[in-house]
Amino acid sequence: MIKEFILPDIGEGVVECEVMDWLVAEGDEIKEDQVVAEVMTDKALVEIPAPYDGKVVKLHYKKGQVAKVHEPLFSVELNGASADVAAPSAPAKAPQPEAPVAQSAAAPQGEQVEEFILPDIGEGIVECEVAEWLVSEGDEVVEDQPICDVMTDKALVQIPAVKSGTIHKLHYQKGEIAKVHEPLFSLTVSGADQAEPAKAAPAPAQAAAAEAPEPVNRQIAADSGAVTQGKALASPAVRRMARTLNVDIAEVPGSGKNGRVYKEDIQAFVDGPSQPIAASQPMAQVAAPASQDRVEPIRGIKAAMAKQMTASVQTIPHFTYCEELDLTELVTLRASLKQRYADKGIKLTLMPFIIKAMSVAAKEYPVLNAQVNDDCSELTYKGDHNIGMAVDGKMGLIVPNVKRVQEKSIIEVAQEVTRLTTAARDGRVSPEDLRDGTLSVSNIGALGGTVATPIINKPEVAIVALGKLQTLPRFNEQGEVEARTIMQVSWSGDHRVIDGGTIARFCNLWKSLLENPAEMMLHLS
């Protein structure tokens, strides 16, 4: 049988690579794990190993040509294949989500095992983290039943079953990285056409892209007979882990076949060799082992936040403006209305008032609701007030936004705030709710802080951090000391387009609306 080797996703968004060298020729016999080619991405030189024994039938690219990810790289005639099985008339294409079929030899009579290919989730995403499996191997599932949650760098996405059947195999464990256009799980379905010839078992792209790791308790020994060579034998995912941990993979003892390096080998190398305890060493000296560092990759929303905040700090000259709000009257008003709207299923917090007042003030000072391009040559005044609020959700900090606040009542804003907060804490905010924000609020006071220096959510030009509510003594107009409900707020502005005077005047208007709720009512349309 002739099988196409599909060039796997090498990671980090790489979609093509240059064939630097073929280490075999057409007609050569190759062994599993033998290095067949070296390809160069824009980041590193990567070795491509053979996933099975056989004879090279065709090399689809010449040295120096650019190969595409998810397309055939070379063809192999498998050893032991029937001599009367002819090669396909045309090269096999990369696995497509619409036809993810692979029949298992172990499937019962009348049943067929089909692979579910992880589809393109959109927006250039090429991989995602398996956040949670909602089923187990052997479970019966029905069409459209949720199978798992996967986390991209933008949102949590739920993957449903495309048909009814029994879960045959889950190809990834919770926390592992799944690749787009590769099998995610396999499903046993009934009613397969028995006249249809058996198709290839799991896609070559999967077999090459991610070696199934052996048990973690595999012993690593320097004298294991591993093949000594100039370059380490490892999959692209393992090489990326080594680069992330700043480890020279050539120095890592491989515990796999022919010295192949696995993720566990790299982690063991980072942790260091375990030291044998001398027989004569007193037990008291070894009773308390030293604590070890724990390395955890930054992925998903946390990685996206790190990238976004770094870009903001490096390109935007921030300045901070702090003020004190006396919210005594607003807190009293909210307390009088809270139960009335709670009976209608509306959670009325201070946030809807704060967001609506920001929108009213932005009508007077539209530069606070503007966006500036990267080279600061254009300033776009946004027509809609899409005011975001930072939420410490299940998967990390995200900033969903209430769309078109200028058109909404306080009650309508409250309904949106409740919806977005609940979705964010459950990790189910849609990408639409995260797009097109124009001004942001960070409620650090919910955790107990008073003053902050918030980082602007680029390309916005301002953000405010709300401190916690405090009951503090203040002088009234008669010079008497009385208890007032006080909140400290901290604004950060983009000093390229906003000056201190502008943000002070904006804040003064916003403050007057919140401190005098009756006045805010006059501004509502």
Protein backbone atom coordinates (compact mmCIF):
# COMPACT_ATOMS: atom_id res chain seq x y z
CA MET A 1 0.00 0.00 0.00
CA ILE A 2 1.26 3.44 -0.89
CA LYS A 3 0.68 6.19 1.69
CA GLU A 4 1.27 9.90 1.46
CA PHE A 5 3.23 11.56 4.24
CA ILE A 6 1.37 14.83 4.99
CA LEU A 7 3.68 17.62 6.15
CA PRO A 8 2.46 18.27 9.71
CA ASP A 9 1.83 21.61 11.41
CA ILE A 10 5.31 22.53 12.68
CA GLY A 11 3.80 25.01 15.12
CA GLU A 12 3.95 28.75 15.88
CA GLY A 13 1.77 29.62 12.90
CA VAL A 14 4.15 28.20 10.27
CA VAL A 15 2.24 27.39 7.06
CA GLU A 16 5.14 26.60 4.72
CA CYS A 17 8.83 25.73 4.87
CA GLU A 18 11.79 25.27 2.53
CA VAL A 19 13.14 21.78 1.79
CA MET A 20 16.80 22.18 2.78
CA ASP A 21 17.95 18.62 2.14
CA TRP A 22 16.60 15.18 1.29
CA LEU A 23 18.40 12.49 3.30
CA VAL A 24 16.90 9.71 1.15
CA ALA A 25 16.23 9.18 -2.55
CA GLU A 26 13.32 7.65 -4.45
CA GLY A 27 13.56 3.86 -4.21
CA ASP A 28 15.39 3.88 -0.84
CA GLU A 29 14.20 1.62 1.97
CA ILE A 30 13.49 3.58 5.16
CA LYS A 31 12.82 2.62 8.77
CA GLU A 32 10.41 4.11 11.28
CA ASP A 33 11.90 7.24 12.93
CA GLN A 34 14.61 7.53 10.26
CA VAL A 35 15.17 11.18 9.32
CA VAL A 36 13.93 11.65 5.76
CA ALA A 37 14.30 15.38 5.19
CA GLU A 38 15.39 18.66 6.75
CA VAL A 39 13.09 21.66 6.30
CA MET A 40 13.73 25.28 7.24
CA THR A 41 11.00 27.49 8.71
CA ASP A 42 11.49 31.18 9.47
CA LYS A 43 12.48 30.14 13.00
CA ALA A 44 14.50 26.91 12.91
CA LEU A 45 15.75 23.87 10.99
CA VAL A 46 13.39 20.93 11.56
CA GLU A 47 14.01 17.23 10.86
CA ILE A 48 11.14 15.19 9.41
CA PRO A 49 11.18 11.53 10.55
CA ALA A 50 9.48 8.60 8.83
CA PRO A 51 6.38 7.43 10.74
CA TYR A 52 6.64 3.85 9.40
CA ASP A 53 8.89 1.35 7.55
CA GLY A 54 8.74 1.17 3.77
CA LYS A 55 10.21 2.25 0.43
CA VAL A 56 10.25 5.86 -0.80
CA VAL A 57 8.15 6.03 -3.96
CA LYS A 58 8.13 9.75 -4.69
CA LEU A 59 9.57 12.99 -3.30
CA HIS A 60 7.03 15.72 -4.07
CA TYR A 61 9.48 18.63 -3.79
CA LYS A 62 13.02 19.28 -4.88
CA LYS A 63 15.72 20.65 -2.64
CA GLY A 64 15.17 24.40 -2.26
CA GLN A 65 11.45 24.33 -3.06
CA VAL A 66 8.83 25.53 -0.59
CA ALA A 67 6.58 22.81 0.88
CA LYS A 68 3.10 23.53 2.22
CA VAL A 69 1.84 22.40 5.63
CA HIS A 70 -1.04 19.86 5.42
CA GLU A 71 0.01 18.78 1.89
CA PRO A 72 1.92 15.62 0.81
CA LEU A 73 5.70 15.79 1.28
CA PHE A 74 6.66 12.31 0.06
CA SER A 75 5.06 8.91 -0.73
CA VAL A 76 5.98 5.59 0.90
CA GLU A 77 5.15 2.02 -0.11
CA LEU A 78 4.56 0.27 3.21
CA ASN A 79 6.37 -2.97 3.94
CA GLY A 80 4.00 -5.94 4.12
CA ALA A 81 1.35 -4.27 1.97
CA SER A 82 -0.49 -6.47 -0.56
CA ALA A 83 1.26 -6.49 -3.93
CA ASP A 84 -2.01 -6.01 -5.78
CA VAL A 85 -2.80 -2.71 -4.04
CA ALA A 86 -2.02 -0.01 -6.56
CA ALA A 87 -0.93 3.49 -5.78
CA PRO A 88 -3.65 6.16 -5.89
CA SER A 89 -4.09 7.78 -9.28
CA ALA A 90 -3.52 11.22 -7.76
CA PRO A 91 -1.66 12.39 -4.67
CA ALA A 92 -3.76 12.33 -1.54
CA LYS A 93 -4.76 15.69 -0.23
CA ALA A 94 -4.37 16.94 3.30
CA PRO A 95 -7.17 15.71 5.58
CA GLN A 96 -10.27 17.88 5.24
CA PRO A 97 -12.90 18.45 7.93
CA GLU A 98 -15.65 17.43 5.50
CA ALA A 99 -14.36 13.86 4.99
CA PRO A 100 -12.55 12.68 8.12
CA VAL A 101 -13.04 8.93 7.57
CA ALA A 102 -10.71 6.16 8.77
CA GLN A 103 -11.95 2.59 9.29
CA SER A 104 -10.40 0.62 12.14
CA ALA A 105 -9.49 -3.03 11.65
CA ALA A 106 -10.65 -3.63 15.22
CA ALA A 107 -14.13 -2.24 14.56
CA PRO A 108 -16.94 -4.80 14.98
CA GLN A 109 -18.67 -6.18 11.90
CA GLY A 110 -21.05 -3.60 10.42
CA GLU A 111 -19.38 -0.70 12.21
CA GLN A 112 -16.80 1.84 11.13
CA VAL A 113 -14.41 4.07 13.05
CA GLU A 114 -14.33 7.62 11.73
CA GLU A 115 -11.87 10.33 12.68
CA PHE A 116 -13.21 13.74 13.62
CA ILE A 117 -10.84 16.31 12.07
CA LEU A 118 -10.51 19.50 14.10
CA PRO A 119 -11.93 22.16 11.75
CA ASP A 120 -10.55 25.62 11.06
CA ILE A 121 -11.92 27.70 13.95
CA GLY A 122 -11.18 30.92 12.07
CA GLU A 123 -9.06 34.07 12.41
CA GLY A 124 -5.82 32.30 11.47
CA ILE A 125 -5.87 29.89 14.43
CA VAL A 126 -3.76 26.79 13.73
CA GLU A 127 -3.81 25.13 17.16
CA CYS A 128 -5.76 25.18 20.41
CA GLU A 129 -5.55 23.74 23.91
CA VAL A 130 -7.94 20.96 24.99
CA ALA A 131 -9.52 22.65 28.01
CA GLU A 132 -11.97 19.91 28.98
CA TRP A 133 -13.28 16.59 27.65
CA LEU A 134 -17.04 16.31 28.24
CA VAL A 135 -17.10 12.59 27.33
CA SER A 136 -14.89 9.54 27.88
CA GLU A 137 -13.79 6.70 25.62
CA GLY A 138 -16.64 4.20 25.29
CA ASP A 139 -19.40 6.79 25.84
CA GLU A 140 -22.43 6.83 23.55
CA VAL A 141 -22.96 10.25 21.96
CA VAL A 142 -25.59 11.75 19.70
CA GLU A 143 -25.27 14.24 16.86
CA ASP A 144 -24.58 17.82 18.05
CA GLN A 145 -23.75 16.66 21.59
CA PRO A 146 -20.82 18.70 23.03
CA ILE A 147 -17.67 16.56 23.05
CA CYS A 148 -15.03 18.94 24.39
CA ASP A 149 -14.06 22.54 25.06
CA VAL A 150 -10.96 23.87 23.30
CA MET A 151 -9.23 27.14 24.17
CA THR A 152 -7.76 29.39 21.50
CA ASP A 153 -5.93 32.64 22.23
CA LYS A 154 -9.27 34.43 21.80
CA ALA A 155 -12.09 32.36 23.32
CA LEU A 156 -13.33 29.01 24.59
CA VAL A 157 -14.94 27.01 21.76
CA GLN A 158 -17.19 23.99 22.20
CA ILE A 159 -16.77 21.12 19.71
CA PRO A 160 -19.94 19.07 18.98
CA ALA A 161 -20.29 15.56 17.55
CA VAL A 162 -21.07 15.54 13.83
CA LYS A 163 -23.00 12.25 14.09
CA SER A 164 -24.17 9.67 16.61
CA GLY A 165 -21.96 6.81 17.72
CA THR A 166 -19.53 5.61 20.39
CA ILE A 167 -16.33 7.41 21.37
CA HIS A 168 -13.55 5.12 20.16
CA LYS A 169 -10.49 7.19 21.08
CA LEU A 170 -9.61 10.64 22.40
CA HIS A 171 -6.38 11.65 20.67
CA TYR A 172 -5.33 14.30 23.19
CA GLN A 173 -5.36 14.62 26.95
CA LYS A 174 -6.71 17.62 28.81
CA GLY A 175 -4.17 20.46 28.59
CA GLU A 176 -2.51 19.20 25.40
CA ILE A 177 -2.32 21.22 22.18
CA ALA A 178 -4.54 20.01 19.32
CA LYS A 179 -3.78 20.93 15.71
CA VAL A 180 -6.29 22.25 13.21
CA HIS A 181 -6.94 19.83 10.29
CA GLU A 182 -5.75 16.84 12.36
CA PRO A 183 -7.82 14.14 14.16
CA LEU A 184 -9.23 15.22 17.54
CA PHE A 185 -11.16 12.07 18.44
CA SER A 186 -12.48 8.97 16.68
CA LEU A 187 -16.06 7.75 16.68
CA THR A 188 -17.48 4.28 16.03
CA VAL A 189 -20.58 4.56 13.86
CA SER A 190 -22.90 1.83 12.59
CA GLY A 191 -24.35 1.22 9.13
CA ALA A 192 -21.07 1.51 7.22
CA ASP A 193 -21.12 0.37 3.61
CA GLN A 194 -19.41 -3.05 3.68
CA ALA A 195 -18.62 -2.85 -0.05
CA GLU A 196 -16.48 0.22 0.50
CA PRO A 197 -12.76 -0.67 0.72
CA ALA A 198 -11.03 -0.06 4.00
CA LYS A 199 -9.35 3.32 4.19
CA ALA A 200 -6.18 4.36 5.83
CA ALA A 201 -6.02 4.36 9.60
CA PRO A 202 -5.31 7.68 11.36
CA ALA A 203 -4.04 10.43 9.10
CA PRO A 204 -0.30 10.50 8.44
CA ALA A 205 -0.23 14.13 9.53
CA GLN A 206 -1.27 13.05 13.00
CA ALA A 207 1.17 10.17 13.15
CA ALA A 208 4.08 12.43 12.25
CA ALA A 209 3.06 15.60 14.07
CA ALA A 210 2.65 14.15 17.55
CA GLU A 211 4.31 10.94 18.68
CA ALA A 212 2.23 9.19 21.31
CA PRO A 213 4.26 9.67 24.48
CA GLU A 214 5.25 6.60 26.44
CA PRO A 215 4.33 6.45 30.15
CA VAL A 216 5.85 9.17 32.26
CA ASN A 217 7.65 6.70 34.49
CA ARG A 218 9.84 5.60 31.57
CA GLN A 219 13.44 5.31 32.85
CA ILE A 220 16.04 7.53 31.17
CA ALA A 221 19.51 6.00 31.08
CA ALA A 222 22.67 7.32 29.47
CA ASP A 223 23.73 3.82 28.42
CA SER A 224 20.39 2.88 26.82
CA GLY A 225 21.96 2.34 23.43
CA ALA A 226 20.54 5.51 21.91
CA VAL A 227 21.89 6.41 18.51
CA THR A 228 24.51 9.16 18.77
CA GLN A 229 24.13 11.69 15.99
CA GLY A 230 24.63 15.37 15.30
CA LYS A 231 20.93 16.20 15.53
CA ALA A 232 18.45 14.93 18.11
CA LEU A 233 15.49 12.82 16.96
CA ALA A 234 12.27 14.50 18.12
CA SER A 235 8.90 15.69 16.87
CA PRO A 236 8.27 19.40 16.14
CA ALA A 237 6.15 19.74 19.29
CA VAL A 238 9.02 18.42 21.41
CA ARG A 239 11.48 20.77 19.71
CA ARG A 240 9.21 23.73 20.40
CA MET A 241 9.04 22.75 24.09
CA ALA A 242 12.84 22.63 24.17
CA ARG A 243 13.08 26.12 22.63
CA THR A 244 10.51 27.45 25.12
CA LEU A 245 12.55 26.10 28.06
CA ASN A 246 15.85 27.26 26.47
CA VAL A 247 17.17 23.69 26.33
CA ASP A 248 19.65 22.39 23.73
CA ILE A 249 17.74 19.32 22.59
CA ALA A 250 20.95 17.68 21.36
CA GLU A 251 22.05 17.39 25.01
CA VAL A 252 18.86 15.65 26.16
CA PRO A 253 19.13 11.82 26.55
CA GLY A 254 16.31 10.34 24.48
CA SER A 255 14.42 7.38 25.95
CA GLY A 256 12.52 6.43 22.79
CA LYS A 257 13.39 4.21 19.88
CA ASN A 258 16.76 5.13 18.33
CA GLY A 259 17.25 7.75 21.04
CA ARG A 260 14.06 9.67 20.20
CA VAL A 261 13.44 12.56 22.61
CA TYR A 262 10.00 12.97 24.21
CA LYS A 263 8.49 15.80 26.26
CA GLU A 264 9.05 13.82 29.46
CA ASP A 265 12.75 13.57 28.59
CA ILE A 266 13.04 17.35 28.30
CA GLN A 267 11.15 17.91 31.56
CA ALA A 268 13.41 15.38 33.31
CA PHE A 269 16.46 17.14 31.84
CA VAL A 270 15.20 20.52 33.14
CA ASP A 271 14.41 19.11 36.58
CA GLY A 272 17.87 17.56 36.78
CA PRO A 273 18.93 13.97 37.57
CA SER A 274 17.69 12.43 40.76
CA GLN A 275 20.54 11.80 43.19
CA PRO A 276 20.84 8.31 44.72
CA ILE A 277 20.84 8.26 48.51
CA ALA A 278 23.99 6.76 50.01
CA ALA A 279 23.38 3.80 52.27
CA SER A 280 25.42 5.37 55.05
CA GLN A 281 23.59 8.72 54.90
CA PRO A 282 21.47 9.34 58.01
CA MET A 283 17.72 9.38 57.37
CA ALA A 284 17.36 12.75 59.09
CA GLN A 285 19.36 14.40 56.32
CA VAL A 286 17.06 13.22 53.52
CA ALA A 287 13.68 13.46 55.24
CA ALA A 288 12.85 16.84 53.65
CA PRO A 289 13.66 16.93 49.89
CA ALA A 290 14.37 20.32 48.37
CA SER A 291 11.52 22.08 46.63
CA GLN A 292 11.62 22.03 42.83
CA ASP A 293 10.70 24.72 40.34
CA ARG A 294 7.63 24.11 38.20
CA VAL A 295 7.65 25.24 34.56
CA GLU A 296 4.26 25.97 33.03
CA PRO A 297 3.79 27.14 29.43
CA ILE A 298 1.86 30.37 28.85
CA ARG A 299 -0.93 29.59 26.42
CA GLY A 300 -4.39 30.61 25.28
CA ILE A 301 -5.87 33.83 26.65
CA LYS A 302 -2.93 34.38 29.01
CA ALA A 303 -0.53 34.37 26.06
CA ALA A 304 -2.78 36.73 24.11
CA MET A 305 -2.93 39.11 27.09
CA ALA A 306 0.85 39.05 27.45
CA LYS A 307 1.30 39.93 23.77
CA GLN A 308 -1.36 42.67 23.83
CA MET A 309 -0.11 44.34 27.03
CA THR A 310 3.52 44.24 25.90
CA ALA A 311 2.60 45.93 22.61
CA SER A 312 0.58 48.55 24.49
CA VAL A 313 3.35 49.47 26.93
CA GLN A 314 6.04 49.53 24.23
CA THR A 315 4.11 51.75 21.79
CA ILE A 316 1.84 53.98 23.92
CA PRO A 317 3.19 56.74 26.22
CA HIS A 318 0.93 56.26 29.25
CA PHE A 319 0.09 58.88 31.85
CA THR A 320 -2.13 58.43 34.92
CA TYR A 321 -4.75 60.76 36.41
CA CYS A 322 -6.37 59.94 39.77
CA GLU A 323 -9.59 61.29 41.29
CA GLU A 324 -11.96 60.64 44.17
CA LEU A 325 -15.67 60.02 43.65
CA ASP A 326 -18.30 60.51 46.36
CA LEU A 327 -20.87 57.86 45.45
CA THR A 328 -23.03 58.12 48.57
CA GLU A 329 -26.17 59.19 46.71
CA LEU A 330 -25.66 56.70 43.87
CA VAL A 331 -25.19 53.81 46.32
CA THR A 332 -28.40 54.84 48.10
CA LEU A 333 -30.31 55.00 44.80
CA ARG A 334 -29.01 51.65 43.67
CA ALA A 335 -29.95 50.04 47.03
CA SER A 336 -33.53 51.36 46.69
CA LEU A 337 -33.89 49.91 43.17
CA LYS A 338 -31.91 46.68 43.58
CA GLN A 339 -34.68 44.40 44.84
CA ARG A 340 -37.30 45.76 42.43
CA TYR A 341 -35.20 44.81 39.41
CA ALA A 342 -33.89 41.61 40.98
CA ASP A 343 -37.49 40.36 40.97
CA LYS A 344 -37.42 40.92 37.18
CA GLY A 345 -34.19 38.94 36.83
CA ILE A 346 -31.96 42.04 36.40
CA LYS A 347 -28.84 42.37 38.57
CA LEU A 348 -28.42 46.09 39.18
CA THR A 349 -24.84 46.88 40.27
CA LEU A 350 -22.92 50.15 40.15
CA MET A 351 -21.22 49.13 36.88
CA PRO A 352 -24.16 49.98 34.56
CA PHE A 353 -24.32 53.51 36.03
CA ILE A 354 -20.54 53.93 35.65
CA ILE A 355 -20.57 52.70 32.04
CA LYS A 356 -23.57 54.83 31.04
CA ALA A 357 -22.02 57.94 32.61
CA MET A 358 -18.82 57.31 30.62
CA SER A 359 -20.86 57.22 27.42
CA VAL A 360 -22.61 60.50 28.29
CA ALA A 361 -19.24 62.17 29.03
CA ALA A 362 -17.75 60.76 25.81
CA LYS A 363 -20.35 62.68 23.80
CA GLU A 364 -18.82 65.90 25.16
CA TYR A 365 -15.21 64.67 24.85
CA PRO A 366 -15.19 62.25 21.88
CA VAL A 367 -11.38 61.95 21.85
CA LEU A 368 -11.73 59.57 24.83
CA ASN A 369 -13.74 57.26 22.54
CA ALA A 370 -11.26 57.47 19.65
CA GLN A 371 -8.57 55.18 18.24
CA VAL A 372 -5.17 56.07 16.80
CA ASN A 373 -3.26 54.13 14.15
CA ASP A 374 0.18 52.63 14.81
CA ASP A 375 2.26 55.49 13.38
CA CYS A 376 0.02 58.09 15.03
CA SER A 377 -0.84 59.75 11.75
CA GLU A 378 -4.63 59.31 11.98
CA LEU A 379 -7.18 59.57 14.78
CA THR A 380 -10.54 57.84 14.27
CA TYR A 381 -13.47 59.10 16.33
CA LYS A 382 -15.66 56.03 16.85
CA GLY A 383 -19.39 56.51 16.36
CA ASP A 384 -20.42 53.74 18.76
CA HIS A 385 -19.51 53.67 22.44
CA ASN A 386 -18.48 50.00 22.91
CA ILE A 387 -17.36 50.14 26.52
CA GLY A 388 -15.38 47.13 27.76
CA MET A 389 -15.02 45.80 31.27
CA ALA A 390 -12.13 43.62 32.38
CA VAL A 391 -13.34 40.33 33.88
CA ASP A 392 -11.18 37.84 35.77
CA GLY A 393 -12.78 34.81 34.13
CA LYS A 394 -12.31 31.06 34.18
CA MET A 395 -9.59 31.14 31.51
CA GLY A 396 -7.89 34.40 32.48
CA LEU A 397 -8.41 38.14 32.10
CA ILE A 398 -10.62 39.13 29.17
CA VAL A 399 -12.37 42.39 28.23
CA PRO A 400 -15.83 41.90 26.67
CA ASN A 401 -17.62 45.11 25.76
CA VAL A 402 -21.17 46.42 25.90
CA LYS A 403 -22.02 47.47 22.36
CA ARG A 404 -23.60 50.86 21.51
CA VAL A 405 -23.96 52.09 25.08
CA GLN A 406 -25.04 55.51 23.77
CA GLU A 407 -28.31 53.92 22.56
CA LYS A 408 -29.06 51.86 25.68
CA SER A 409 -30.82 52.66 28.94
CA ILE A 410 -29.16 51.90 32.26
CA ILE A 411 -31.37 48.81 32.61
CA GLU A 412 -30.36 47.57 29.14
CA VAL A 413 -26.70 48.15 30.03
CA ALA A 414 -27.27 46.20 33.28
CA GLN A 415 -28.65 43.23 31.33
CA GLU A 416 -25.61 43.22 29.04
CA VAL A 417 -23.19 43.55 31.97
CA THR A 418 -24.81 40.52 33.64
CA ARG A 419 -24.70 38.47 30.44
CA LEU A 420 -21.08 39.27 29.64
CA THR A 421 -19.87 38.78 33.21
CA THR A 422 -21.53 35.37 33.47
CA ALA A 423 -20.19 34.29 30.07
CA ALA A 424 -16.66 35.48 30.90
CA ARG A 425 -16.56 33.66 34.23
CA ASP A 426 -17.75 30.47 32.52
CA GLY A 427 -15.17 30.95 29.75
CA ARG A 428 -17.82 31.20 27.01
CA VAL A 429 -17.55 34.75 25.70
CA SER A 430 -18.05 34.88 21.93
CA PRO A 431 -15.38 36.51 19.74
CA GLU A 432 -17.97 39.14 18.74
CA ASP A 433 -18.23 40.32 22.36
CA LEU A 434 -14.47 40.87 22.46
CA ARG A 435 -14.18 42.88 19.23
CA ASP A 436 -14.36 46.61 18.53
CA GLY A 437 -14.03 47.98 22.07
CA THR A 438 -13.56 51.76 22.30
CA LEU A 439 -13.08 52.52 26.03
CA SER A 440 -12.43 50.22 29.00
CA VAL A 441 -13.11 49.84 32.73
CA SER A 442 -11.06 47.70 35.12
CA ASN A 443 -12.78 47.03 38.45
CA ILE A 444 -9.81 46.30 40.72
CA GLY A 445 -11.96 47.30 43.69
CA ALA A 446 -13.78 43.98 43.45
CA LEU A 447 -10.57 42.41 44.78
CA GLY A 448 -9.79 45.13 47.30
CA GLY A 449 -7.48 47.62 45.56
CA THR A 450 -7.83 51.40 45.69
CA VAL A 451 -5.33 52.93 43.21
CA ALA A 452 -3.77 51.40 40.05
CA THR A 453 -1.96 52.34 36.86
CA PRO A 454 -4.01 50.39 34.28
CA ILE A 455 -2.56 49.53 30.88
CA ILE A 456 -4.50 50.79 27.87
CA ASN A 457 -6.23 48.14 25.78
CA LYS A 458 -4.68 49.04 22.40
CA PRO A 459 -5.90 50.54 20.02
CA GLU A 460 -8.07 52.37 22.56
CA VAL A 461 -6.70 55.60 24.04
CA ALA A 462 -7.95 55.48 27.65
CA ILE A 463 -8.87 53.13 30.49
CA VAL A 464 -10.07 53.67 34.06
CA ALA A 465 -9.43 51.47 37.12
CA LEU A 466 -12.11 51.56 39.83
CA GLY A 467 -11.02 51.24 43.45
CA LYS A 468 -13.05 49.61 46.20
CA LEU A 469 -15.88 51.46 47.91
CA GLN A 470 -14.83 52.83 51.31
CA THR A 471 -16.76 54.56 54.06
CA LEU A 472 -14.54 57.53 54.98
CA PRO A 473 -14.96 60.76 56.96
CA ARG A 474 -15.45 63.90 54.85
CA PHE A 475 -16.45 67.48 55.55
CA ASN A 476 -19.90 68.58 54.36
CA GLU A 477 -20.82 72.09 53.24
CA GLN A 478 -21.42 73.13 56.84
CA GLY A 479 -17.92 72.03 57.84
CA GLU A 480 -19.21 69.02 59.73
CA VAL A 481 -17.58 65.60 59.47
CA GLU A 482 -19.83 62.84 58.19
CA ALA A 483 -19.44 59.34 56.76
CA ARG A 484 -19.40 59.22 52.96
CA THR A 485 -19.05 56.39 50.44
CA ILE A 486 -15.83 57.06 48.52
CA MET A 487 -14.24 55.42 45.46
CA GLN A 488 -10.75 56.19 44.15
CA VAL A 489 -10.42 56.02 40.36
CA SER A 490 -7.26 55.94 38.23
CA TRP A 491 -7.27 56.91 34.54
CA SER A 492 -4.52 56.01 32.06
CA GLY A 493 -4.40 58.01 28.83
CA ASP A 494 -2.48 57.84 25.58
CA HIS A 495 -0.35 60.99 25.78
CA ARG A 496 0.07 61.06 21.99
CA VAL A 497 -3.53 62.22 21.53
CA ILE A 498 -4.85 63.09 25.03
CA ASP A 499 -3.41 65.71 27.36
CA GLY A 500 -3.90 66.04 31.10
CA GLY A 501 -6.40 68.87 30.79
CA THR A 502 -8.70 66.90 28.49
CA ILE A 503 -8.82 63.82 30.68
CA ALA A 504 -9.34 66.00 33.78
CA ARG A 505 -12.33 67.77 32.21
CA PHE A 506 -13.77 64.46 30.98
CA CYS A 507 -13.34 62.97 34.46
CA ASN A 508 -14.96 65.99 36.10
CA LEU A 509 -18.08 65.61 33.94
CA TRP A 510 -18.20 61.85 34.53
CA LYS A 511 -17.75 62.45 38.27
CA SER A 512 -20.59 65.01 38.44
CA LEU A 513 -22.97 62.57 36.73
CA LEU A 514 -22.16 59.79 39.20
CA GLU A 515 -22.19 62.00 42.27
CA ASN A 516 -25.56 63.52 41.26
CA PRO A 517 -27.69 60.71 39.82
CA ALA A 518 -30.61 63.08 39.21
CA GLU A 519 -28.41 65.13 36.86
CA MET A 520 -27.43 61.98 34.98
CA MET A 521 -31.10 61.24 34.36
CA LEU A 522 -31.39 64.55 32.49
CA HIS A 523 -28.75 63.42 29.98
CA LEU A 524 -30.39 60.08 29.18
CA SER A 525 -32.16 59.84 25.84
